[in-house]
Amino acid sequence: MTEIVNLLELDLREHRDEGRRFHSRSVSRDHGAGKTGFSVYELAPGESAWPYHYELSEEEWLFVLAGEIVLRTPAGEATLRAGDVTCFPIGPEGAHQMRNESQAAARFAMSSSRSEVYV
């Protein structure tokens, strides 16, 4: 049987990059995925994960698991809460950034059509 993990209970690792600090874990790497990427992130209040950016070769999905995050896209900003999901297409129309402006930790997952992950 394939290993089952709980995304809300998964132990995450600290990640520091260019003044940002967050916790993450590559579930796809842990499970040896070969064609898709899937990672879980947790942002403390006041933190952001990555700069505003877009992908050139893969689409990504965002799933909010707990708490709330502010999502910036070309359409503007929106607050997403647990249960919300959205897709970022390839190219500038899929540009995005997530940050936590709340008073509690926020956890979200991202999947991509590429197995290489950077966390």
N, C-alpha and C. Protein backbone atom coordinates (compact mmCIF):
# COMPACT_ATOMS: atom_id res chain seq x y z
N MET A 1 0.84 -1.19 0.00
CA MET A 1 0.00 0.00 0.00
C MET A 1 0.88 1.24 0.00
N THR A 2 0.46 2.26 -0.72
CA THR A 2 1.17 3.52 -0.78
C THR A 2 1.10 4.22 0.57
N GLU A 3 2.19 4.91 0.93
CA GLU A 3 2.21 5.65 2.19
C GLU A 3 1.19 6.79 2.15
N ILE A 4 0.50 6.98 3.24
CA ILE A 4 -0.49 8.05 3.37
C ILE A 4 0.03 9.07 4.38
N VAL A 5 -0.06 10.35 4.03
CA VAL A 5 0.35 11.41 4.95
C VAL A 5 -0.82 12.37 5.16
N ASN A 6 -0.84 13.01 6.30
CA ASN A 6 -1.85 14.02 6.60
C ASN A 6 -1.20 15.38 6.40
N LEU A 7 -1.72 16.16 5.48
CA LEU A 7 -1.11 17.44 5.14
C LEU A 7 -1.15 18.45 6.27
N LEU A 8 -2.10 18.30 7.18
CA LEU A 8 -2.19 19.23 8.32
C LEU A 8 -1.23 18.86 9.44
N GLU A 9 -0.80 17.60 9.47
CA GLU A 9 0.10 17.12 10.53
C GLU A 9 1.53 16.91 10.05
N LEU A 10 1.79 17.10 8.80
CA LEU A 10 3.09 16.87 8.20
C LEU A 10 4.15 17.78 8.83
N ASP A 11 5.27 17.20 9.25
CA ASP A 11 6.38 18.00 9.77
C ASP A 11 7.06 18.73 8.62
N LEU A 12 7.23 20.02 8.77
CA LEU A 12 7.83 20.84 7.72
C LEU A 12 9.22 21.28 8.13
N ARG A 13 10.01 21.66 7.16
CA ARG A 13 11.38 22.10 7.40
C ARG A 13 11.50 23.60 7.15
N GLU A 14 12.30 24.27 7.96
CA GLU A 14 12.48 25.71 7.79
C GLU A 14 13.22 26.00 6.49
N HIS A 15 12.78 27.04 5.81
CA HIS A 15 13.39 27.47 4.56
C HIS A 15 13.63 28.97 4.66
N ARG A 16 14.86 29.39 4.44
CA ARG A 16 15.21 30.81 4.44
C ARG A 16 15.79 31.16 3.08
N ASP A 17 15.31 32.27 2.52
CA ASP A 17 15.76 32.66 1.19
C ASP A 17 15.53 34.15 1.00
N GLU A 18 16.59 34.90 0.75
CA GLU A 18 16.49 36.33 0.44
C GLU A 18 15.59 37.10 1.41
N GLY A 19 15.78 36.88 2.69
CA GLY A 19 15.03 37.60 3.71
C GLY A 19 13.67 37.03 4.04
N ARG A 20 13.26 36.01 3.32
CA ARG A 20 11.98 35.35 3.62
C ARG A 20 12.24 34.12 4.47
N ARG A 21 11.26 33.78 5.31
CA ARG A 21 11.37 32.59 6.14
C ARG A 21 10.02 31.89 6.13
N PHE A 22 10.01 30.63 5.79
CA PHE A 22 8.80 29.83 5.83
C PHE A 22 9.18 28.38 6.05
N HIS A 23 8.19 27.56 6.25
CA HIS A 23 8.41 26.13 6.42
C HIS A 23 7.78 25.41 5.24
N SER A 24 8.42 24.32 4.81
CA SER A 24 7.90 23.60 3.66
C SER A 24 8.37 22.15 3.68
N ARG A 25 7.74 21.38 2.81
CA ARG A 25 8.13 19.98 2.62
C ARG A 25 7.64 19.52 1.27
N SER A 26 8.51 18.87 0.53
CA SER A 26 8.16 18.31 -0.77
C SER A 26 7.59 16.91 -0.57
N VAL A 27 6.28 16.80 -0.68
CA VAL A 27 5.64 15.50 -0.56
C VAL A 27 5.98 14.65 -1.78
N SER A 28 6.09 15.27 -2.94
CA SER A 28 6.43 14.52 -4.15
C SER A 28 7.83 13.92 -4.04
N ARG A 29 8.78 14.66 -3.52
CA ARG A 29 10.13 14.12 -3.33
C ARG A 29 10.11 12.98 -2.33
N ASP A 30 9.40 13.17 -1.22
CA ASP A 30 9.32 12.12 -0.20
C ASP A 30 8.76 10.82 -0.75
N HIS A 31 7.88 10.92 -1.74
CA HIS A 31 7.21 9.73 -2.28
C HIS A 31 7.77 9.28 -3.63
N GLY A 32 8.83 9.92 -4.10
CA GLY A 32 9.46 9.51 -5.35
C GLY A 32 8.63 9.78 -6.59
N ALA A 33 7.80 10.81 -6.57
CA ALA A 33 6.98 11.15 -7.74
C ALA A 33 7.88 11.49 -8.92
N GLY A 34 7.49 11.06 -10.10
CA GLY A 34 8.30 11.29 -11.27
C GLY A 34 7.73 12.27 -12.28
N LYS A 35 6.46 12.60 -12.18
CA LYS A 35 5.83 13.45 -13.20
C LYS A 35 5.11 14.67 -12.65
N THR A 36 4.92 14.73 -11.35
CA THR A 36 4.23 15.88 -10.76
C THR A 36 4.96 16.34 -9.51
N GLY A 37 4.75 17.60 -9.16
CA GLY A 37 5.30 18.15 -7.94
C GLY A 37 4.18 18.47 -6.97
N PHE A 38 4.45 18.29 -5.67
CA PHE A 38 3.45 18.61 -4.65
C PHE A 38 4.19 18.94 -3.36
N SER A 39 4.01 20.15 -2.87
CA SER A 39 4.68 20.60 -1.65
C SER A 39 3.69 21.27 -0.72
N VAL A 40 4.01 21.23 0.57
CA VAL A 40 3.20 21.88 1.60
C VAL A 40 4.04 23.00 2.19
N TYR A 41 3.41 24.15 2.43
CA TYR A 41 4.07 25.33 2.97
C TYR A 41 3.31 25.83 4.19
N GLU A 42 4.05 26.46 5.10
CA GLU A 42 3.40 27.14 6.22
C GLU A 42 4.07 28.50 6.39
N LEU A 43 3.24 29.53 6.46
CA LEU A 43 3.71 30.90 6.63
C LEU A 43 3.31 31.41 8.00
N ALA A 44 4.27 31.94 8.73
CA ALA A 44 3.97 32.62 9.98
C ALA A 44 3.35 33.97 9.66
N PRO A 45 2.67 34.59 10.62
CA PRO A 45 2.12 35.93 10.38
C PRO A 45 3.21 36.88 9.88
N GLY A 46 2.88 37.67 8.87
CA GLY A 46 3.81 38.65 8.32
C GLY A 46 4.80 38.12 7.29
N GLU A 47 4.78 36.82 7.01
CA GLU A 47 5.75 36.23 6.07
C GLU A 47 5.14 36.02 4.69
N SER A 48 6.02 35.93 3.68
CA SER A 48 5.60 35.57 2.33
C SER A 48 6.52 34.44 1.85
N ALA A 49 6.03 33.65 0.92
CA ALA A 49 6.81 32.50 0.46
C ALA A 49 7.82 32.90 -0.60
N TRP A 50 7.39 33.36 -1.73
CA TRP A 50 8.27 33.70 -2.85
C TRP A 50 7.91 35.08 -3.37
N PRO A 51 8.83 35.71 -4.11
CA PRO A 51 8.48 36.99 -4.75
C PRO A 51 7.37 36.77 -5.79
N TYR A 52 6.75 37.82 -6.20
CA TYR A 52 5.75 37.78 -7.27
C TYR A 52 6.44 37.23 -8.52
N HIS A 53 5.90 36.16 -9.11
CA HIS A 53 6.56 35.50 -10.22
C HIS A 53 5.57 34.68 -11.03
N TYR A 54 6.02 34.15 -12.16
CA TYR A 54 5.24 33.20 -12.94
C TYR A 54 6.17 32.12 -13.47
N GLU A 55 5.59 31.03 -13.91
CA GLU A 55 6.35 29.88 -14.41
C GLU A 55 6.35 29.89 -15.93
N LEU A 56 7.43 29.41 -16.51
CA LEU A 56 7.56 29.36 -17.96
C LEU A 56 7.25 27.99 -18.55
N SER A 57 7.22 26.95 -17.71
CA SER A 57 7.08 25.61 -18.27
C SER A 57 6.07 24.71 -17.56
N GLU A 58 5.47 25.16 -16.48
CA GLU A 58 4.48 24.32 -15.81
C GLU A 58 3.37 25.14 -15.18
N GLU A 59 2.18 24.55 -15.13
CA GLU A 59 1.11 25.22 -14.39
C GLU A 59 1.18 24.74 -12.95
N GLU A 60 0.63 25.56 -12.06
CA GLU A 60 0.62 25.24 -10.64
C GLU A 60 -0.79 25.40 -10.09
N TRP A 61 -1.06 24.64 -9.03
CA TRP A 61 -2.32 24.74 -8.29
C TRP A 61 -2.01 25.12 -6.86
N LEU A 62 -2.87 25.91 -6.25
CA LEU A 62 -2.75 26.32 -4.85
C LEU A 62 -3.98 25.83 -4.10
N PHE A 63 -3.75 25.15 -2.97
CA PHE A 63 -4.81 24.64 -2.10
C PHE A 63 -4.58 25.19 -0.70
N VAL A 64 -5.48 26.00 -0.17
CA VAL A 64 -5.33 26.52 1.18
C VAL A 64 -5.86 25.46 2.15
N LEU A 65 -5.00 25.04 3.08
CA LEU A 65 -5.33 23.96 4.01
C LEU A 65 -5.81 24.48 5.37
N ALA A 66 -5.19 25.56 5.86
CA ALA A 66 -5.53 26.09 7.19
C ALA A 66 -5.17 27.57 7.23
N GLY A 67 -5.95 28.34 7.94
CA GLY A 67 -5.69 29.77 8.05
C GLY A 67 -6.11 30.51 6.81
N GLU A 68 -5.48 31.66 6.58
CA GLU A 68 -5.79 32.45 5.40
C GLU A 68 -4.53 33.11 4.88
N ILE A 69 -4.50 33.31 3.57
CA ILE A 69 -3.37 33.97 2.92
C ILE A 69 -3.91 35.02 1.95
N VAL A 70 -3.08 36.02 1.69
CA VAL A 70 -3.41 37.01 0.68
C VAL A 70 -2.69 36.58 -0.60
N LEU A 71 -3.46 36.44 -1.65
CA LEU A 71 -2.93 36.04 -2.95
C LEU A 71 -2.90 37.25 -3.87
N ARG A 72 -1.73 37.52 -4.43
CA ARG A 72 -1.58 38.58 -5.43
C ARG A 72 -1.47 37.92 -6.80
N THR A 73 -2.26 38.37 -7.76
CA THR A 73 -2.22 37.90 -9.14
C THR A 73 -2.34 39.12 -10.06
N PRO A 74 -2.25 38.95 -11.37
CA PRO A 74 -2.46 40.09 -12.26
C PRO A 74 -3.83 40.75 -12.11
N ALA A 75 -4.81 40.00 -11.59
CA ALA A 75 -6.16 40.54 -11.39
C ALA A 75 -6.28 41.36 -10.11
N GLY A 76 -5.26 41.34 -9.25
CA GLY A 76 -5.32 42.07 -7.99
C GLY A 76 -5.03 41.15 -6.82
N GLU A 77 -5.56 41.52 -5.65
CA GLU A 77 -5.33 40.73 -4.44
C GLU A 77 -6.64 40.19 -3.91
N ALA A 78 -6.56 39.01 -3.29
CA ALA A 78 -7.73 38.38 -2.68
C ALA A 78 -7.27 37.60 -1.46
N THR A 79 -8.13 37.54 -0.46
CA THR A 79 -7.84 36.73 0.72
C THR A 79 -8.45 35.35 0.51
N LEU A 80 -7.61 34.33 0.61
CA LEU A 80 -8.06 32.95 0.48
C LEU A 80 -8.06 32.29 1.84
N ARG A 81 -9.04 31.43 2.06
CA ARG A 81 -9.20 30.74 3.34
C ARG A 81 -9.18 29.23 3.13
N ALA A 82 -9.09 28.50 4.23
CA ALA A 82 -9.06 27.04 4.18
C ALA A 82 -10.17 26.53 3.28
N GLY A 83 -9.81 25.65 2.35
CA GLY A 83 -10.76 25.09 1.40
C GLY A 83 -10.71 25.74 0.03
N ASP A 84 -10.11 26.93 -0.07
CA ASP A 84 -10.02 27.61 -1.37
C ASP A 84 -8.92 26.98 -2.23
N VAL A 85 -9.15 26.97 -3.53
CA VAL A 85 -8.20 26.42 -4.49
C VAL A 85 -8.21 27.28 -5.74
N THR A 86 -7.04 27.41 -6.39
CA THR A 86 -6.95 28.15 -7.64
C THR A 86 -5.79 27.60 -8.46
N CYS A 87 -5.81 27.91 -9.74
CA CYS A 87 -4.78 27.44 -10.67
C CYS A 87 -4.03 28.62 -11.26
N PHE A 88 -2.72 28.45 -11.45
CA PHE A 88 -1.88 29.46 -12.08
C PHE A 88 -1.39 28.90 -13.41
N PRO A 89 -1.89 29.43 -14.52
CA PRO A 89 -1.45 28.94 -15.83
C PRO A 89 -0.01 29.36 -16.13
N ILE A 90 0.57 28.75 -17.13
CA ILE A 90 1.92 29.08 -17.57
C ILE A 90 1.93 30.51 -18.12
N GLY A 91 2.99 31.25 -17.81
CA GLY A 91 3.18 32.58 -18.36
C GLY A 91 2.71 33.70 -17.47
N PRO A 92 2.82 34.94 -17.95
CA PRO A 92 2.51 36.13 -17.15
C PRO A 92 1.09 36.13 -16.57
N GLU A 93 0.12 35.56 -17.27
CA GLU A 93 -1.25 35.55 -16.73
C GLU A 93 -1.36 34.68 -15.47
N GLY A 94 -0.36 33.84 -15.23
CA GLY A 94 -0.35 33.00 -14.03
C GLY A 94 0.53 33.53 -12.92
N ALA A 95 0.96 34.78 -13.00
CA ALA A 95 1.83 35.36 -11.96
C ALA A 95 1.13 35.32 -10.61
N HIS A 96 1.93 35.10 -9.54
CA HIS A 96 1.32 34.98 -8.21
C HIS A 96 2.35 35.18 -7.10
N GLN A 97 1.83 35.52 -5.93
CA GLN A 97 2.59 35.60 -4.69
C GLN A 97 1.62 35.39 -3.54
N MET A 98 2.05 34.64 -2.53
CA MET A 98 1.24 34.42 -1.35
C MET A 98 1.94 35.02 -0.13
N ARG A 99 1.14 35.66 0.73
CA ARG A 99 1.68 36.18 1.99
C ARG A 99 0.63 36.03 3.08
N ASN A 100 1.09 36.04 4.31
CA ASN A 100 0.20 35.88 5.45
C ASN A 100 0.10 37.20 6.19
N GLU A 101 -1.05 37.83 6.11
CA GLU A 101 -1.29 39.09 6.83
C GLU A 101 -2.15 38.88 8.06
N SER A 102 -2.45 37.63 8.39
CA SER A 102 -3.30 37.34 9.55
C SER A 102 -2.44 37.24 10.81
N GLN A 103 -3.07 36.91 11.92
CA GLN A 103 -2.38 36.78 13.21
C GLN A 103 -2.06 35.33 13.55
N ALA A 104 -2.34 34.39 12.63
CA ALA A 104 -2.10 32.97 12.88
C ALA A 104 -1.37 32.36 11.69
N ALA A 105 -0.70 31.25 11.93
CA ALA A 105 0.00 30.54 10.85
C ALA A 105 -1.00 30.12 9.78
N ALA A 106 -0.54 30.08 8.54
CA ALA A 106 -1.36 29.64 7.41
C ALA A 106 -0.63 28.50 6.70
N ARG A 107 -1.35 27.46 6.35
CA ARG A 107 -0.76 26.31 5.66
C ARG A 107 -1.45 26.13 4.32
N PHE A 108 -0.63 25.92 3.28
CA PHE A 108 -1.19 25.68 1.95
C PHE A 108 -0.32 24.67 1.22
N ALA A 109 -0.90 24.07 0.20
CA ALA A 109 -0.18 23.12 -0.63
C ALA A 109 -0.17 23.63 -2.06
N MET A 110 0.87 23.26 -2.79
CA MET A 110 0.95 23.59 -4.20
C MET A 110 1.34 22.35 -4.98
N SER A 111 0.67 22.18 -6.11
CA SER A 111 1.05 21.09 -7.01
C SER A 111 1.43 21.70 -8.34
N SER A 112 2.25 20.97 -9.08
CA SER A 112 2.66 21.45 -10.40
C SER A 112 2.78 20.29 -11.36
N SER A 113 2.80 20.62 -12.63
CA SER A 113 2.91 19.61 -13.66
C SER A 113 4.37 19.23 -13.91
N ARG A 114 5.23 19.55 -12.97
CA ARG A 114 6.65 19.22 -13.06
C ARG A 114 7.10 18.57 -11.76
N SER A 115 7.89 17.53 -11.84
CA SER A 115 8.30 16.82 -10.62
C SER A 115 9.45 17.49 -9.90
N GLU A 116 10.26 18.30 -10.57
CA GLU A 116 11.37 18.96 -9.89
C GLU A 116 10.82 20.00 -8.94
N VAL A 117 11.26 19.97 -7.72
CA VAL A 117 10.81 20.93 -6.72
C VAL A 117 12.02 21.57 -6.07
N TYR A 118 11.83 22.73 -5.50
CA TYR A 118 12.95 23.49 -4.97
C TYR A 118 12.90 23.68 -3.46
N VAL A 119 12.12 22.90 -2.77
CA VAL A 119 12.06 23.04 -1.32
C VAL A 119 12.41 21.75 -0.64
